[in-house]
C-alpha atoms as a PDB file:
ATOM      1  CA  MET A   1     100.815  28.564 164.815  1.00  0.00           C
ATOM      2  CA  LYS A   2     100.830  29.746 161.296  1.00  0.00           C
ATOM      3  CA  TYR A   3     103.697  32.616 162.724  1.00  0.00           C
ATOM      4  CA  LEU A   4     106.187  30.060 163.679  1.00  0.00           C
ATOM      5  CA  ASN A   5     105.459  28.258 160.491  1.00  0.00           C
ATOM      6  CA  LYS A   6     106.842  31.775 158.569  1.00  0.00           C
ATOM      7  CA  MET A   7     109.213  32.206 160.844  1.00  0.00           C
ATOM      8  CA  ILE A   8     110.946  28.576 160.973  1.00  0.00           C
ATOM      9  CA  ALA A   9     110.805  28.510 156.867  1.00  0.00           C
ATOM     10  CA  ALA A  10     112.668  32.104 156.803  1.00  0.00           C
ATOM     11  CA  ALA A  11     114.978  31.106 158.674  1.00  0.00           C
ATOM     12  CA  ALA A  12     115.522  27.700 156.838  1.00  0.00           C
ATOM     13  CA  VAL A  13     115.273  30.309 153.947  1.00  0.00           C
ATOM     14  CA  PHE A  14     118.424  31.843 155.231  1.00  0.00           C
ATOM     15  CA  LEU A  15     120.249  28.795 156.172  1.00  0.00           C
ATOM     16  CA  PHE A  16     120.364  27.685 152.531  1.00  0.00           C
ATOM     17  CA  LEU A  17     121.214  30.702 151.011  1.00  0.00           C
ATOM     18  CA  LEU A  18     124.081  32.094 153.514  1.00  0.00           C
ATOM     19  CA  ILE A  19     125.944  27.818 153.324  1.00  0.00           C
ATOM     20  CA  MET A  20     125.159  27.956 149.098  1.00  0.00           C
ATOM     21  CA  GLY A  21     127.611  31.454 149.891  1.00  0.00           C
ATOM     22  CA  SER A  22     130.347  30.596 151.884  1.00  0.00           C
ATOM     23  CA  VAL A  23     131.043  26.599 149.190  1.00  0.00           C
ATOM     24  CA  PHE A  24     132.857  27.179 145.827  1.00  0.00           C
ATOM     25  CA  THR A  25     134.223  24.522 143.819  1.00  0.00           C
ATOM     26  CA  ILE A  26     137.105  24.838 141.873  1.00  0.00           C
ATOM     27  CA  GLU A  27     137.005  22.202 138.543  1.00  0.00           C
ATOM     28  CA  GLU A  28     139.992  20.225 137.411  1.00  0.00           C
ATOM     29  CA  GLY A  29     142.113  22.859 135.534  1.00  0.00           C
ATOM     30  CA  GLN A  30     141.481  25.285 137.874  1.00  0.00           C
ATOM     31  CA  LYS A  31     142.785  27.753 140.523  1.00  0.00           C
ATOM     32  CA  GLY A  32     141.021  29.152 142.752  1.00  0.00           C
ATOM     33  CA  LEU A  33     141.778  33.226 144.761  1.00  0.00           C
ATOM     34  CA  VAL A  34     139.683  34.372 147.509  1.00  0.00           C
ATOM     35  CA  LEU A  35     139.455  38.114 147.714  1.00  0.00           C
ATOM     36  CA  ILE A  36     138.073  39.823 151.257  1.00  0.00           C
ATOM     37  CA  MET A  37     136.295  43.011 150.429  1.00  0.00           C
ATOM     38  CA  GLY A  38     138.609  43.153 147.690  1.00  0.00           C
ATOM     39  CA  LYS A  39     141.348  42.636 149.369  1.00  0.00           C
ATOM     40  CA  LEU A  40     143.688  38.931 148.209  1.00  0.00           C
ATOM     41  CA  LYS A  41     144.190  36.947 151.215  1.00  0.00           C
ATOM     42  CA  THR A  42     147.168  35.871 151.991  1.00  0.00           C
ATOM     43  CA  ASP A  43     149.431  33.663 154.680  1.00  0.00           C
ATOM     44  CA  SER A  44     151.446  34.477 157.564  1.00  0.00           C
ATOM     45  CA  ALA A  45     154.436  35.118 155.149  1.00  0.00           C
ATOM     46  CA  GLY A  46     152.233  37.087 152.674  1.00  0.00           C
ATOM     47  CA  ILE A  47     151.719  35.411 149.709  1.00  0.00           C
ATOM     48  CA  ALA A  48     148.599  35.376 148.510  1.00  0.00           C
ATOM     49  CA  GLU A  49     147.348  31.958 149.291  1.00  0.00           C
ATOM     50  CA  THR A  50     146.054  29.625 145.735  1.00  0.00           C
ATOM     51  CA  TYR A  51     142.791  27.082 146.026  1.00  0.00           C
ATOM     52  CA  GLY A  52     143.293  23.388 143.683  1.00  0.00           C
ATOM     53  CA  PRO A  53     140.464  21.839 142.660  1.00  0.00           C
ATOM     54  CA  GLY A  54     137.990  20.824 145.129  1.00  0.00           C
ATOM     55  CA  LEU A  55     135.042  22.089 147.162  1.00  0.00           C
ATOM     56  CA  HIS A  56     136.309  24.680 149.871  1.00  0.00           C
ATOM     57  CA  ILE A  57     135.334  26.972 152.158  1.00  0.00           C
ATOM     58  CA  LYS A  58     134.239  31.191 152.083  1.00  0.00           C
ATOM     59  CA  LEU A  59     133.171  33.924 153.924  1.00  0.00           C
ATOM     60  CA  PRO A  60     129.768  34.341 152.636  1.00  0.00           C
ATOM     61  CA  PHE A  61     128.720  38.150 151.601  1.00  0.00           C
ATOM     62  CA  ILE A  62     132.547  39.130 152.314  1.00  0.00           C
ATOM     63  CA  SER A  63     134.636  37.072 150.078  1.00  0.00           C
ATOM     64  CA  SER A  64     134.247  36.702 146.596  1.00  0.00           C
ATOM     65  CA  VAL A  65     135.703  34.414 144.304  1.00  0.00           C
ATOM     66  CA  ARG A  66     137.923  34.223 140.922  1.00  0.00           C
ATOM     67  CA  LYS A  67     138.597  31.299 139.151  1.00  0.00           C
ATOM     68  CA  PHE A  68     141.962  31.022 136.959  1.00  0.00           C
ATOM     69  CA  ASP A  69     142.207  28.591 134.036  1.00  0.00           C
ATOM     70  CA  THR A  70     146.026  26.620 134.629  1.00  0.00           C
ATOM     71  CA  ARG A  71     145.858  24.400 131.502  1.00  0.00           C
ATOM     72  CA  ILE A  72     147.886  25.361 128.285  1.00  0.00           C
ATOM     73  CA  HIS A  73     146.616  25.536 125.495  1.00  0.00           C
ATOM     74  CA  GLY A  74     148.693  24.055 122.167  1.00  0.00           C
ATOM     75  CA  PHE A  75     148.308  26.004 119.207  1.00  0.00           C
ATOM     76  CA  THR A  76     148.952  24.350 115.394  1.00  0.00           C
ATOM     77  CA  SER A  77     147.565  25.712 111.961  1.00  0.00           C
ATOM     78  CA  GLY A  78     148.358  24.548 108.337  1.00  0.00           C
ATOM     79  CA  GLU A  79     151.186  24.481 106.554  1.00  0.00           C
ATOM     80  CA  PHE A  80     151.364  27.755 104.474  1.00  0.00           C
ATOM     81  CA  SER A  81     153.782  30.347 102.196  1.00  0.00           C
ATOM     82  CA  THR A  82     154.106  33.649 101.801  1.00  0.00           C
ATOM     83  CA  LEU A  83     156.363  35.760  99.856  1.00  0.00           C
ATOM     84  CA  THR A  84     159.489  37.209 100.173  1.00  0.00           C
ATOM     85  CA  SER A  85     161.220  40.374  99.239  1.00  0.00           C
ATOM     86  CA  LYS A  86     164.092  37.400  97.550  1.00  0.00           C
ATOM     87  CA  GLN A  87     161.023  35.429  95.104  1.00  0.00           C
ATOM     88  CA  THR A  88     159.159  38.446  93.804  1.00  0.00           C
END
């Protein structure tokens, strides 16, 4: 009976790890690319598949996900003055 309980616990842990390794999320403002054994996952036309925000599924242990920030980052600075050669 103890052996059966250990086997059930091991199977439950393995199943949990399998599920956690196959689900990934992309946050708002990000895009994701899936790599399968280091190669980009493409559609039938040879175009890379991009993933938008949400919950997605991948092959566990074989696929990896690269996330990229797609937000536009603005930069504002205060006023500053510079001297040119004519102003010296």
